[in-house]
């Protein structure tokens, strides 16, 4: 009986371990991690929550579970990289971040995205709708739009280009500039809108 307790205690003590990532392979159905502990260098699948994935940089700390205490059946169940960890979160806040410092920070005050000077792209969306209760502000030296712009789109179908073309093509009659009741048509303005 005492021998069985010792065997069980050894297996329980060996169910969890801590290691450090040396490399990873992210091409299959499950991400494979190579880790190093004081006892071994081995590979293990890494479990992550559905919808979330990350490529662990070398040197990341990992918690390894050994199924049934069997060191030949490791699974990486948690990870962290101390150098790149986002800090200063308040209770209830969440952040998604990478080792370059880019992040999406969900706070009580709002959602903040920091792209660290890199591009942000939204691709393959059929429609994008942004709803703001007060205003939308773009702080940029230039706004580029490849298609038409329609303001007051729920009551107006005329594009800004059509309005600009109509303005540029119109002229005015200049009345009573000569003697009598003569009417002269003005020239179009030289500066086009």
N, C-alpha and C. Protein backbone atom coordinates (compact mmCIF):
# COMPACT_ATOMS: atom_id res chain seq x y z
N UNK A 1 0.82 -1.20 0.00
CA UNK A 1 0.00 0.00 0.00
C UNK A 1 0.86 1.25 0.00
N UNK A 2 1.89 1.29 0.83
CA UNK A 2 2.78 2.42 0.92
C UNK A 2 3.49 2.67 -0.41
N UNK A 3 3.87 1.60 -1.10
CA UNK A 3 4.52 1.69 -2.41
C UNK A 3 3.58 2.32 -3.44
N UNK A 4 2.31 1.95 -3.41
CA UNK A 4 1.31 2.52 -4.32
C UNK A 4 1.10 4.01 -4.06
N UNK A 5 1.12 4.42 -2.80
CA UNK A 5 0.99 5.84 -2.47
C UNK A 5 2.17 6.64 -2.99
N UNK A 6 3.37 6.10 -2.83
CA UNK A 6 4.56 6.78 -3.33
C UNK A 6 4.51 6.92 -4.84
N UNK A 7 4.08 5.85 -5.51
CA UNK A 7 3.97 5.87 -6.97
C UNK A 7 2.94 6.92 -7.41
N UNK A 8 1.80 6.96 -6.72
CA UNK A 8 0.76 7.94 -7.05
C UNK A 8 1.23 9.36 -6.77
N UNK A 9 1.92 9.57 -5.66
CA UNK A 9 2.43 10.90 -5.33
C UNK A 9 3.45 11.37 -6.35
N UNK A 10 4.29 10.47 -6.83
CA UNK A 10 5.29 10.80 -7.86
C UNK A 10 4.59 11.19 -9.15
N UNK A 11 3.56 10.45 -9.54
CA UNK A 11 2.84 10.77 -10.78
C UNK A 11 2.11 12.10 -10.66
N UNK A 12 1.50 12.37 -9.51
CA UNK A 12 0.80 13.64 -9.31
C UNK A 12 1.79 14.80 -9.33
N UNK A 13 2.93 14.62 -8.68
CA UNK A 13 3.95 15.68 -8.66
C UNK A 13 4.50 15.95 -10.06
N UNK A 14 4.47 14.94 -10.90
CA UNK A 14 5.00 15.10 -12.25
C UNK A 14 3.97 15.51 -13.29
N UNK A 15 2.76 15.87 -12.87
CA UNK A 15 1.71 16.20 -13.84
C UNK A 15 1.88 17.58 -14.46
N UNK A 16 2.57 18.49 -13.79
CA UNK A 16 2.78 19.83 -14.33
C UNK A 16 4.26 20.16 -14.31
N UNK A 17 4.68 20.93 -15.30
CA UNK A 17 6.05 21.39 -15.35
C UNK A 17 6.11 22.77 -15.99
N UNK A 18 7.25 23.41 -15.86
CA UNK A 18 7.47 24.73 -16.46
C UNK A 18 8.67 24.61 -17.39
N UNK A 19 8.55 25.22 -18.56
CA UNK A 19 9.64 25.19 -19.52
C UNK A 19 9.75 26.51 -20.25
N UNK A 20 10.64 26.53 -21.21
CA UNK A 20 10.85 27.72 -22.02
C UNK A 20 10.90 27.30 -23.49
N UNK A 21 10.23 28.06 -24.34
CA UNK A 21 10.14 27.76 -25.77
C UNK A 21 11.49 27.96 -26.45
N UNK A 22 11.87 27.00 -27.29
CA UNK A 22 13.05 27.19 -28.13
C UNK A 22 12.65 27.44 -29.58
N UNK A 23 11.56 26.82 -30.03
CA UNK A 23 11.05 27.05 -31.39
C UNK A 23 9.61 26.54 -31.46
N UNK A 24 8.95 26.84 -32.56
CA UNK A 24 7.57 26.39 -32.76
C UNK A 24 7.34 26.05 -34.22
N UNK A 25 6.32 25.26 -34.49
CA UNK A 25 5.88 24.96 -35.85
C UNK A 25 4.37 25.15 -35.88
N UNK A 26 3.89 26.03 -36.75
CA UNK A 26 2.48 26.38 -36.76
C UNK A 26 1.84 26.07 -38.10
N UNK A 27 2.15 24.91 -38.67
CA UNK A 27 1.63 24.59 -40.00
C UNK A 27 0.57 23.51 -40.00
N UNK A 28 0.39 22.81 -38.93
CA UNK A 28 -0.57 21.71 -38.91
C UNK A 28 -1.86 22.06 -38.21
N UNK A 29 -2.64 21.03 -37.89
CA UNK A 29 -3.91 21.22 -37.20
C UNK A 29 -3.70 21.71 -35.78
N UNK A 30 -2.56 21.35 -35.18
CA UNK A 30 -2.21 21.77 -33.83
C UNK A 30 -0.81 22.37 -33.86
N UNK A 31 -0.64 23.47 -33.18
CA UNK A 31 0.68 24.10 -33.10
C UNK A 31 1.62 23.21 -32.29
N UNK A 32 2.81 22.97 -32.82
CA UNK A 32 3.82 22.17 -32.12
C UNK A 32 4.88 23.09 -31.53
N UNK A 33 5.19 22.87 -30.28
CA UNK A 33 6.14 23.69 -29.54
C UNK A 33 7.32 22.82 -29.13
N UNK A 34 8.53 23.34 -29.32
CA UNK A 34 9.69 22.68 -28.72
C UNK A 34 10.05 23.48 -27.48
N UNK A 35 10.16 22.79 -26.36
CA UNK A 35 10.43 23.45 -25.10
C UNK A 35 11.65 22.83 -24.43
N UNK A 36 12.19 23.57 -23.49
CA UNK A 36 13.33 23.09 -22.72
C UNK A 36 13.02 23.26 -21.24
N UNK A 37 13.28 22.22 -20.47
CA UNK A 37 13.18 22.26 -19.01
C UNK A 37 14.55 21.87 -18.46
N UNK A 38 14.74 21.97 -17.16
CA UNK A 38 16.02 21.49 -16.60
C UNK A 38 16.25 20.00 -16.86
N UNK A 39 15.17 19.25 -17.13
CA UNK A 39 15.28 17.81 -17.33
C UNK A 39 15.38 17.38 -18.78
N UNK A 40 14.84 18.18 -19.71
CA UNK A 40 14.72 17.68 -21.08
C UNK A 40 14.50 18.80 -22.10
N UNK A 41 14.70 18.42 -23.36
CA UNK A 41 14.26 19.21 -24.51
C UNK A 41 13.29 18.30 -25.25
N UNK A 42 12.06 18.75 -25.44
CA UNK A 42 11.05 17.90 -26.06
C UNK A 42 10.06 18.75 -26.83
N UNK A 43 9.18 18.08 -27.54
CA UNK A 43 8.12 18.75 -28.30
C UNK A 43 6.77 18.40 -27.70
N UNK A 44 5.83 19.31 -27.86
CA UNK A 44 4.48 19.08 -27.35
C UNK A 44 3.49 19.89 -28.16
N UNK A 45 2.26 19.40 -28.30
CA UNK A 45 1.22 20.23 -28.91
C UNK A 45 0.84 21.34 -27.93
N UNK A 46 0.41 22.46 -28.49
CA UNK A 46 -0.02 23.58 -27.65
C UNK A 46 -1.51 23.77 -27.81
N UNK A 47 -2.24 23.72 -26.73
CA UNK A 47 -3.68 23.95 -26.75
C UNK A 47 -3.94 25.44 -26.57
N UNK A 48 -4.88 25.97 -27.35
CA UNK A 48 -5.28 27.36 -27.19
C UNK A 48 -6.78 27.45 -27.37
N UNK A 49 -7.36 28.52 -26.87
CA UNK A 49 -8.80 28.71 -26.98
C UNK A 49 -9.20 28.91 -28.43
N UNK A 50 -10.37 28.39 -28.80
CA UNK A 50 -10.87 28.54 -30.16
C UNK A 50 -10.99 30.02 -30.51
N UNK A 51 -10.54 30.37 -31.71
CA UNK A 51 -10.64 31.75 -32.18
C UNK A 51 -9.44 32.60 -31.83
N UNK A 52 -8.54 32.09 -31.02
CA UNK A 52 -7.34 32.83 -30.64
C UNK A 52 -6.12 31.97 -30.95
N UNK A 53 -5.13 32.58 -31.54
CA UNK A 53 -3.89 31.87 -31.82
C UNK A 53 -2.75 32.87 -31.80
N UNK A 54 -1.56 32.40 -31.47
CA UNK A 54 -0.39 33.27 -31.47
C UNK A 54 0.84 32.43 -31.73
N UNK A 55 1.82 33.07 -32.32
CA UNK A 55 3.11 32.42 -32.52
C UNK A 55 4.02 32.83 -31.37
N UNK A 56 4.34 31.90 -30.52
CA UNK A 56 5.15 32.22 -29.34
C UNK A 56 6.58 32.54 -29.74
N UNK A 57 7.12 33.68 -29.31
CA UNK A 57 8.52 33.96 -29.58
C UNK A 57 9.42 33.05 -28.73
N UNK A 58 10.60 32.77 -29.24
CA UNK A 58 11.56 31.98 -28.48
C UNK A 58 11.80 32.65 -27.14
N UNK A 59 11.93 31.85 -26.11
CA UNK A 59 12.13 32.39 -24.77
C UNK A 59 10.86 32.54 -23.97
N UNK A 60 9.70 32.25 -24.58
CA UNK A 60 8.43 32.33 -23.85
C UNK A 60 8.37 31.23 -22.79
N UNK A 61 7.81 31.57 -21.64
CA UNK A 61 7.59 30.59 -20.58
C UNK A 61 6.33 29.80 -20.89
N UNK A 62 6.32 28.50 -20.57
CA UNK A 62 5.14 27.67 -20.80
C UNK A 62 4.89 26.79 -19.58
N UNK A 63 3.62 26.49 -19.37
CA UNK A 63 3.22 25.48 -18.39
C UNK A 63 2.87 24.24 -19.18
N UNK A 64 3.47 23.13 -18.79
CA UNK A 64 3.29 21.88 -19.52
C UNK A 64 2.55 20.90 -18.61
N UNK A 65 1.47 20.32 -19.13
CA UNK A 65 0.76 19.27 -18.40
C UNK A 65 1.20 17.93 -18.98
N UNK A 66 1.50 17.01 -18.10
CA UNK A 66 1.87 15.66 -18.52
C UNK A 66 0.70 14.75 -18.16
N UNK A 67 -0.02 14.30 -19.18
CA UNK A 67 -1.26 13.56 -18.97
C UNK A 67 -0.99 12.30 -18.15
N UNK A 68 -1.71 12.16 -17.06
CA UNK A 68 -1.55 11.02 -16.17
C UNK A 68 -0.19 10.98 -15.49
N UNK A 69 0.53 12.10 -15.49
CA UNK A 69 1.86 12.14 -14.91
C UNK A 69 2.91 11.48 -15.79
N UNK A 70 2.54 11.14 -17.02
CA UNK A 70 3.44 10.46 -17.96
C UNK A 70 4.20 11.52 -18.75
N UNK A 71 5.51 11.62 -18.57
CA UNK A 71 6.31 12.66 -19.21
C UNK A 71 6.43 12.44 -20.72
N UNK A 72 5.95 11.33 -21.23
CA UNK A 72 5.96 11.13 -22.68
C UNK A 72 4.68 11.65 -23.33
N UNK A 73 3.76 12.22 -22.53
CA UNK A 73 2.51 12.78 -23.05
C UNK A 73 2.35 14.23 -22.63
N UNK A 74 3.22 15.14 -23.12
CA UNK A 74 3.12 16.54 -22.70
C UNK A 74 2.13 17.33 -23.56
N UNK A 75 1.52 18.34 -22.95
CA UNK A 75 0.66 19.29 -23.65
C UNK A 75 0.94 20.67 -23.05
N UNK A 76 1.19 21.67 -23.89
CA UNK A 76 1.39 23.04 -23.41
C UNK A 76 0.01 23.65 -23.17
N UNK A 77 -0.23 24.10 -21.93
CA UNK A 77 -1.57 24.61 -21.58
C UNK A 77 -1.59 26.10 -21.25
N UNK A 78 -0.44 26.73 -21.09
CA UNK A 78 -0.40 28.17 -20.81
C UNK A 78 0.95 28.71 -21.25
N UNK A 79 0.98 30.00 -21.58
CA UNK A 79 2.23 30.60 -22.05
C UNK A 79 2.28 32.08 -21.68
N UNK A 80 3.49 32.60 -21.62
CA UNK A 80 3.72 34.01 -21.33
C UNK A 80 5.14 34.35 -21.77
N UNK A 81 5.34 35.59 -22.21
CA UNK A 81 6.70 36.07 -22.46
C UNK A 81 6.89 37.31 -21.60
N UNK A 82 7.75 37.21 -20.61
CA UNK A 82 7.89 38.27 -19.62
C UNK A 82 8.29 39.60 -20.23
N UNK A 83 9.15 39.58 -21.25
CA UNK A 83 9.63 40.84 -21.85
C UNK A 83 8.54 41.59 -22.60
N UNK A 84 7.57 40.88 -23.17
CA UNK A 84 6.57 41.51 -24.03
C UNK A 84 5.19 41.60 -23.39
N UNK A 85 5.04 41.14 -22.16
CA UNK A 85 3.72 41.14 -21.53
C UNK A 85 3.20 42.56 -21.37
N UNK A 86 1.96 42.78 -21.77
CA UNK A 86 1.29 44.07 -21.62
C UNK A 86 0.95 44.24 -20.14
N UNK A 87 1.34 45.35 -19.56
CA UNK A 87 1.14 45.55 -18.12
C UNK A 87 0.22 46.74 -17.85
N UNK A 88 -0.20 46.87 -16.61
CA UNK A 88 -0.99 48.02 -16.19
C UNK A 88 -2.48 47.86 -16.40
N UNK A 89 -2.95 46.63 -16.61
CA UNK A 89 -4.39 46.43 -16.80
C UNK A 89 -5.14 46.63 -15.49
N UNK A 90 -6.31 47.25 -15.61
CA UNK A 90 -7.19 47.42 -14.46
C UNK A 90 -8.15 46.23 -14.42
N UNK A 91 -8.75 45.94 -13.27
CA UNK A 91 -9.70 44.83 -13.18
C UNK A 91 -10.79 44.96 -14.25
N UNK A 92 -11.05 43.88 -14.96
CA UNK A 92 -12.08 43.86 -16.00
C UNK A 92 -11.58 44.23 -17.38
N UNK A 93 -10.35 44.71 -17.52
CA UNK A 93 -9.82 45.08 -18.83
C UNK A 93 -9.23 43.87 -19.55
N UNK A 94 -9.22 43.95 -20.87
CA UNK A 94 -8.66 42.90 -21.72
C UNK A 94 -7.82 43.54 -22.79
N UNK A 95 -6.74 42.88 -23.17
CA UNK A 95 -5.90 43.40 -24.25
C UNK A 95 -5.42 42.24 -25.12
N UNK A 96 -5.38 42.48 -26.41
CA UNK A 96 -4.75 41.57 -27.37
C UNK A 96 -3.52 42.31 -27.86
N UNK A 97 -2.35 41.67 -27.80
CA UNK A 97 -1.11 42.38 -28.13
C UNK A 97 -0.11 41.42 -28.78
N UNK A 98 0.95 42.00 -29.36
CA UNK A 98 2.03 41.18 -29.91
C UNK A 98 3.37 41.71 -29.43
N UNK A 99 4.45 41.05 -29.87
CA UNK A 99 5.77 41.44 -29.35
C UNK A 99 6.25 42.76 -29.93
N UNK A 100 5.63 43.29 -30.98
CA UNK A 100 5.98 44.61 -31.51
C UNK A 100 5.27 45.73 -30.76
N UNK A 101 4.40 45.38 -29.81
CA UNK A 101 3.72 46.39 -29.01
C UNK A 101 2.37 46.81 -29.55
N UNK A 102 1.96 46.33 -30.74
CA UNK A 102 0.64 46.65 -31.26
C UNK A 102 -0.40 46.03 -30.33
N UNK A 103 -1.52 46.74 -30.11
CA UNK A 103 -2.51 46.19 -29.20
C UNK A 103 -3.91 46.72 -29.45
N UNK A 104 -4.88 45.93 -29.03
CA UNK A 104 -6.29 46.32 -28.97
C UNK A 104 -6.66 46.21 -27.50
N UNK A 105 -6.98 47.34 -26.89
CA UNK A 105 -7.18 47.41 -25.44
C UNK A 105 -8.65 47.72 -25.17
N UNK A 106 -9.34 46.82 -24.49
CA UNK A 106 -10.74 47.00 -24.13
C UNK A 106 -10.81 47.50 -22.69
N UNK A 107 -11.30 48.72 -22.52
CA UNK A 107 -11.35 49.33 -21.19
C UNK A 107 -12.77 49.77 -20.87
N UNK A 108 -12.98 50.21 -19.65
CA UNK A 108 -14.28 50.75 -19.27
C UNK A 108 -14.58 52.03 -20.05
N UNK A 109 -13.54 52.81 -20.37
CA UNK A 109 -13.71 54.08 -21.08
C UNK A 109 -13.91 53.90 -22.58
N UNK A 110 -13.52 52.76 -23.14
CA UNK A 110 -13.68 52.54 -24.57
C UNK A 110 -12.67 51.53 -25.09
N UNK A 111 -12.61 51.43 -26.41
CA UNK A 111 -11.70 50.51 -27.10
C UNK A 111 -10.60 51.33 -27.74
N UNK A 112 -9.36 50.95 -27.49
CA UNK A 112 -8.22 51.68 -28.02
C UNK A 112 -7.35 50.73 -28.83
N UNK A 113 -7.02 51.15 -30.06
CA UNK A 113 -6.18 50.36 -30.95
C UNK A 113 -4.90 51.14 -31.18
N UNK A 114 -3.76 50.53 -30.90
CA UNK A 114 -2.46 51.15 -31.13
C UNK A 114 -1.71 50.31 -32.15
N UNK A 115 -1.57 50.83 -33.37
CA UNK A 115 -0.92 50.10 -34.46
C UNK A 115 0.59 50.35 -34.51
N UNK A 116 1.11 51.17 -33.62
CA UNK A 116 2.55 51.45 -33.54
C UNK A 116 3.13 51.88 -34.89
N UNK A 117 2.41 52.74 -35.61
CA UNK A 117 2.91 53.28 -36.88
C UNK A 117 2.78 52.34 -38.06
N UNK A 118 2.13 51.19 -37.89
CA UNK A 118 1.96 50.23 -38.98
C UNK A 118 0.58 50.42 -39.62
N UNK A 119 0.39 49.83 -40.79
CA UNK A 119 -0.89 49.92 -41.50
C UNK A 119 -1.95 49.08 -40.80
N UNK A 120 -3.21 49.51 -40.93
CA UNK A 120 -4.36 48.74 -40.47
C UNK A 120 -5.24 48.53 -41.69
N UNK A 121 -5.57 47.28 -41.99
CA UNK A 121 -6.39 46.98 -43.17
C UNK A 121 -7.60 46.14 -42.76
N UNK A 122 -8.72 46.41 -43.42
CA UNK A 122 -9.91 45.58 -43.30
C UNK A 122 -10.16 45.06 -44.71
N UNK A 123 -10.14 43.75 -44.88
CA UNK A 123 -10.25 43.16 -46.22
C UNK A 123 -11.50 42.30 -46.36
N UNK A 124 -12.00 42.23 -47.59
CA UNK A 124 -13.06 41.32 -48.00
C UNK A 124 -14.37 41.50 -47.24
N UNK A 125 -14.66 42.71 -46.81
CA UNK A 125 -15.95 42.98 -46.17
C UNK A 125 -16.95 43.40 -47.24
N UNK A 126 -18.13 42.83 -47.21
CA UNK A 126 -19.16 43.23 -48.16
C UNK A 126 -19.65 44.63 -47.83
N UNK A 127 -19.91 44.91 -46.58
CA UNK A 127 -20.31 46.23 -46.11
C UNK A 127 -19.63 46.47 -44.76
N UNK A 128 -19.31 47.72 -44.48
CA UNK A 128 -18.81 48.11 -43.16
C UNK A 128 -19.70 49.24 -42.67
N UNK A 129 -20.26 49.09 -41.50
CA UNK A 129 -21.10 50.12 -40.90
C UNK A 129 -20.49 50.51 -39.56
N UNK A 130 -20.23 51.79 -39.40
CA UNK A 130 -19.76 52.32 -38.12
C UNK A 130 -20.86 53.23 -37.59
N UNK A 131 -21.33 52.97 -36.39
CA UNK A 131 -22.40 53.77 -35.79
C UNK A 131 -21.84 54.52 -34.60
N UNK A 132 -21.94 55.83 -34.66
CA UNK A 132 -21.48 56.68 -33.55
C UNK A 132 -22.64 57.57 -33.14
N UNK A 133 -22.82 57.79 -31.85
CA UNK A 133 -23.95 58.59 -31.39
C UNK A 133 -23.70 60.09 -31.50
N UNK A 134 -22.43 60.51 -31.64
CA UNK A 134 -22.14 61.94 -31.73
C UNK A 134 -21.41 62.32 -33.00
N UNK A 135 -20.27 61.70 -33.29
CA UNK A 135 -19.51 62.09 -34.48
C UNK A 135 -18.45 61.04 -34.80
N UNK A 136 -17.93 61.12 -36.01
CA UNK A 136 -16.76 60.35 -36.42
C UNK A 136 -15.71 61.36 -36.84
N UNK A 137 -14.53 61.25 -36.29
CA UNK A 137 -13.46 62.22 -36.56
C UNK A 137 -12.26 61.46 -37.12
N UNK A 138 -11.76 61.90 -38.27
CA UNK A 138 -10.56 61.34 -38.87
C UNK A 138 -9.47 62.41 -38.80
N UNK A 139 -8.42 62.16 -38.06
CA UNK A 139 -7.31 63.10 -37.95
C UNK A 139 -6.23 62.61 -38.92
N UNK A 140 -6.18 63.21 -40.10
CA UNK A 140 -5.27 62.76 -41.15
C UNK A 140 -4.99 63.90 -42.11
N UNK A 141 -3.81 63.96 -42.71
CA UNK A 141 -3.54 65.02 -43.68
C UNK A 141 -4.27 64.80 -45.01
N UNK A 142 -4.73 63.58 -45.26
CA UNK A 142 -5.37 63.31 -46.55
C UNK A 142 -6.35 62.15 -46.38
N UNK A 143 -7.54 62.26 -46.97
CA UNK A 143 -8.53 61.19 -46.98
C UNK A 143 -8.69 60.74 -48.42
N UNK A 144 -8.42 59.47 -48.70
CA UNK A 144 -8.50 58.93 -50.05
C UNK A 144 -9.71 58.01 -50.14
N UNK A 145 -10.53 58.20 -51.18
CA UNK A 145 -11.70 57.37 -51.41
C UNK A 145 -11.68 56.98 -52.88
N UNK A 146 -11.75 55.69 -53.19
CA UNK A 146 -11.68 55.26 -54.60
C UNK A 146 -13.03 55.32 -55.31
N UNK A 147 -14.12 55.38 -54.56
CA UNK A 147 -15.44 55.41 -55.19
C UNK A 147 -16.20 56.68 -54.86
N UNK A 148 -17.49 56.67 -55.13
CA UNK A 148 -18.34 57.83 -54.90
C UNK A 148 -18.63 58.03 -53.42
N UNK A 149 -18.90 59.29 -53.05
CA UNK A 149 -19.32 59.64 -51.70
C UNK A 149 -20.71 60.25 -51.80
N UNK A 150 -21.62 59.74 -50.98
CA UNK A 150 -22.99 60.27 -50.93
C UNK A 150 -23.26 60.69 -49.49
N UNK A 151 -23.54 62.00 -49.30
CA UNK A 151 -23.89 62.44 -47.95
C UNK A 151 -25.40 62.38 -47.78
N UNK A 152 -25.86 62.36 -46.56
CA UNK A 152 -27.30 62.21 -46.28
C UNK A 152 -27.89 61.08 -47.10
N UNK A 153 -27.22 59.93 -47.09
CA UNK A 153 -27.53 58.83 -48.01
C UNK A 153 -28.92 58.23 -47.82
N UNK A 154 -29.56 58.46 -46.69
CA UNK A 154 -30.90 57.90 -46.50
C UNK A 154 -31.97 58.71 -47.22
N UNK A 155 -31.66 59.98 -47.58
CA UNK A 155 -32.63 60.82 -48.28
C UNK A 155 -32.09 61.38 -49.58
N UNK A 156 -30.83 61.10 -49.91
CA UNK A 156 -30.19 61.69 -51.08
C UNK A 156 -29.46 60.59 -51.86
N UNK A 157 -29.57 60.62 -53.19
CA UNK A 157 -28.87 59.63 -54.01
C UNK A 157 -27.78 60.28 -54.86
N UNK A 158 -27.61 61.58 -54.76
CA UNK A 158 -26.64 62.30 -55.59
C UNK A 158 -25.26 62.22 -54.96
N UNK A 159 -24.28 61.86 -55.78
CA UNK A 159 -22.91 61.76 -55.26
C UNK A 159 -22.26 63.13 -55.19
N UNK A 160 -21.23 63.25 -54.38
CA UNK A 160 -20.49 64.51 -54.31
C UNK A 160 -19.82 64.83 -55.64
N UNK A 161 -19.42 63.80 -56.39
CA UNK A 161 -18.83 64.03 -57.72
C UNK A 161 -19.87 64.66 -58.65
N UNK A 162 -21.11 64.17 -58.62
CA UNK A 162 -22.16 64.76 -59.47
C UNK A 162 -22.41 66.21 -59.08
N UNK A 163 -22.42 66.51 -57.79
CA UNK A 163 -22.60 67.89 -57.35
C UNK A 163 -21.43 68.76 -57.78
N UNK A 164 -20.21 68.23 -57.68
CA UNK A 164 -19.01 68.98 -58.09
C UNK A 164 -19.05 69.24 -59.60
N UNK A 165 -19.40 68.23 -60.39
CA UNK A 165 -19.49 68.41 -61.84
C UNK A 165 -20.56 69.43 -62.20
N UNK A 166 -21.71 69.39 -61.53
CA UNK A 166 -22.77 70.35 -61.80
C UNK A 166 -22.31 71.76 -61.46
N UNK A 167 -21.59 71.92 -60.36
CA UNK A 167 -21.07 73.24 -59.99
C UNK A 167 -20.06 73.73 -61.02
N UNK A 168 -19.16 72.88 -61.43
CA UNK A 168 -18.11 73.29 -62.37
C UNK A 168 -18.67 73.63 -63.75
N UNK A 169 -19.78 73.00 -64.15
CA UNK A 169 -20.35 73.21 -65.48
C UNK A 169 -21.36 74.35 -65.54
N UNK A 170 -21.80 74.88 -64.44
CA UNK A 170 -22.88 75.87 -64.49
C UNK A 170 -22.32 77.28 -64.75
N UNK A 171 -23.19 78.12 -65.26
CA UNK A 171 -22.87 79.54 -65.43
C UNK A 171 -24.09 80.36 -65.01
N UNK A 172 -23.92 81.68 -64.97
CA UNK A 172 -24.99 82.57 -64.51
C UNK A 172 -25.22 83.66 -65.54
N UNK A 173 -26.45 84.04 -65.63
CA UNK A 173 -26.76 85.22 -66.42
C UNK A 173 -26.43 86.45 -65.58
N UNK A 174 -25.72 87.40 -66.22
CA UNK A 174 -25.39 88.66 -65.55
C UNK A 174 -26.38 89.69 -66.09
N UNK A 175 -27.25 90.16 -65.23
CA UNK A 175 -28.33 91.04 -65.67
C UNK A 175 -27.95 92.50 -65.51
N UNK A 176 -28.43 93.28 -66.48
CA UNK A 176 -28.35 94.74 -66.45
C UNK A 176 -26.95 95.28 -66.25
N UNK A 177 -25.97 94.69 -66.94
CA UNK A 177 -24.62 95.24 -66.89
C UNK A 177 -24.38 96.18 -68.07
N UNK A 178 -25.23 96.13 -69.06
CA UNK A 178 -25.13 97.04 -70.19
C UNK A 178 -26.38 97.91 -70.19
N UNK A 179 -26.37 98.86 -71.05
CA UNK A 179 -27.54 99.73 -71.07
C UNK A 179 -28.78 98.95 -71.49
N UNK A 180 -29.89 99.36 -70.97
CA UNK A 180 -31.13 98.73 -71.33
C UNK A 180 -31.37 97.44 -70.56
N UNK A 181 -32.12 96.56 -71.20
CA UNK A 181 -32.47 95.29 -70.56
C UNK A 181 -31.62 94.14 -71.08
N UNK A 182 -30.39 94.37 -71.51
CA UNK A 182 -29.53 93.30 -72.05
C UNK A 182 -29.17 92.31 -70.95
N UNK A 183 -28.96 91.06 -71.35
CA UNK A 183 -28.52 90.01 -70.44
C UNK A 183 -27.27 89.38 -71.01
N UNK A 184 -26.22 89.20 -70.18
CA UNK A 184 -24.96 88.61 -70.61
C UNK A 184 -24.74 87.34 -69.77
N UNK A 185 -24.29 86.27 -70.43
CA UNK A 185 -23.99 85.03 -69.72
C UNK A 185 -22.54 85.06 -69.28
N UNK A 186 -22.31 84.80 -68.00
CA UNK A 186 -20.94 84.83 -67.48
C UNK A 186 -20.17 83.59 -67.93
N UNK A 187 -18.85 83.70 -67.87
CA UNK A 187 -18.01 82.55 -68.16
C UNK A 187 -17.93 81.67 -66.92
N UNK A 188 -17.57 80.41 -67.15
CA UNK A 188 -17.38 79.50 -66.03
C UNK A 188 -16.16 79.95 -65.23
N UNK A 189 -16.16 79.65 -63.98
CA UNK A 189 -15.03 80.03 -63.15
C UNK A 189 -13.78 79.26 -63.57
N UNK A 190 -12.63 79.90 -63.43
CA UNK A 190 -11.38 79.23 -63.80
C UNK A 190 -11.00 78.16 -62.79
N UNK A 191 -11.27 78.39 -61.53
CA UNK A 191 -10.91 77.38 -60.53
C UNK A 191 -12.08 76.41 -60.38
N UNK A 192 -11.81 75.16 -60.71
CA UNK A 192 -12.84 74.13 -60.63
C UNK A 192 -12.83 73.51 -59.24
N UNK A 193 -14.00 73.08 -58.79
CA UNK A 193 -14.12 72.47 -57.46
C UNK A 193 -13.97 70.98 -57.59
